Amino acid sequence: MARLLPPESEALGDVAREVAIAASKLERWTAAARFDAVLTMAVMDEAAKSAWCRANGLFPLPDSPMPGWLAR
């Protein structure tokens, strides 16, 4: 999400393609939603994180504690 803001100000479509998330879904992830996701996943093991991400339409990167877009 930081890449969408100044000084980078990348195009939403470009970021969405790179992180493999639909632009409409990326628009809905506010700072509060990301913070909530981080708190929710903080206590989960890998299997639970993967299940939570799949249920919420997100796909974690291999060997990452959270989805790549969330870690940025």
Protein backbone atom coordinates (compact mmCIF):
# COMPACT_ATOMS: atom_id res chain seq x y z
CA MET A 1 0.00 0.00 0.00
CA ALA A 2 2.88 2.36 0.70
CA ARG A 3 3.85 2.12 -2.96
CA LEU A 4 0.52 3.70 -3.90
CA LEU A 5 1.30 6.81 -1.85
CA PRO A 6 3.82 9.62 -2.48
CA PRO A 7 6.67 9.70 -3.14
CA GLU A 8 6.33 6.48 -5.18
CA SER A 9 2.68 6.97 -6.25
CA GLU A 10 2.65 3.85 -8.39
CA ALA A 11 -0.47 3.07 -10.39
CA LEU A 12 -2.96 0.83 -8.57
CA GLY A 13 -3.20 -1.53 -11.55
CA ASP A 14 0.58 -1.98 -11.70
CA VAL A 15 0.86 -2.81 -8.00
CA ALA A 16 -2.17 -5.12 -8.16
CA ARG A 17 -0.65 -7.10 -11.05
CA GLU A 18 2.73 -7.36 -9.33
CA VAL A 19 1.32 -8.68 -6.05
CA ALA A 20 -1.37 -10.77 -7.80
CA ILE A 21 -4.31 -9.17 -6.01
CA ALA A 22 -7.34 -7.74 -7.78
CA ALA A 23 -7.27 -3.94 -7.82
CA SER A 24 -10.74 -3.83 -6.24
CA LYS A 25 -9.54 -5.95 -3.31
CA LEU A 26 -6.38 -3.87 -2.94
CA GLU A 27 -8.49 -0.71 -2.69
CA ARG A 28 -10.48 -2.17 0.22
CA TRP A 29 -7.43 -2.89 2.38
CA THR A 30 -7.25 0.21 4.51
CA ALA A 31 -4.55 0.73 7.14
CA ALA A 32 -7.02 -0.42 9.79
CA ALA A 33 -7.83 -3.60 7.85
CA ARG A 34 -4.13 -4.39 7.39
CA PHE A 35 -3.44 -3.79 11.08
CA ASP A 36 -6.32 -6.08 12.01
CA ALA A 37 -4.96 -8.77 9.67
CA VAL A 38 -1.49 -8.50 11.22
CA LEU A 39 -2.93 -8.84 14.73
CA THR A 40 -5.15 -11.73 13.69
CA MET A 41 -2.32 -13.67 12.03
CA ALA A 42 0.30 -12.90 14.69
CA VAL A 43 -0.80 -15.79 16.89
CA MET A 44 -1.39 -18.30 14.07
CA ASP A 45 0.83 -21.14 12.95
CA GLU A 46 1.63 -21.52 9.23
CA ALA A 47 -1.35 -23.76 8.50
CA ALA A 48 -3.78 -21.38 10.20
CA LYS A 49 -2.26 -18.36 8.41
CA SER A 50 -2.60 -20.08 5.06
CA ALA A 51 -6.20 -21.05 5.79
CA TRP A 52 -7.06 -17.51 6.94
CA CYS A 53 -5.46 -16.00 3.85
CA ARG A 54 -7.28 -18.37 1.50
CA ALA A 55 -10.59 -17.65 3.25
CA ASN A 56 -9.96 -13.93 2.80
CA GLY A 57 -8.79 -14.19 -0.81
CA LEU A 58 -5.12 -13.58 -0.03
CA PHE A 59 -2.18 -15.77 -0.85
CA PRO A 60 0.95 -15.65 1.34
CA LEU A 61 4.35 -15.68 -0.28
CA PRO A 62 6.50 -18.76 0.41
CA ASP A 63 8.60 -18.45 3.59
CA SER A 64 6.85 -15.22 4.55
CA PRO A 65 5.12 -14.64 7.90
CA MET A 66 2.35 -12.80 6.07
CA PRO A 67 1.22 -11.99 2.54
CA GLY A 68 3.82 -9.98 0.66
CA TRP A 69 1.62 -6.92 0.19
CA LEU A 70 1.01 -6.83 3.94
CA ALA A 71 4.69 -7.00 4.81
CA ARG A 72 5.53 -3.86 2.81
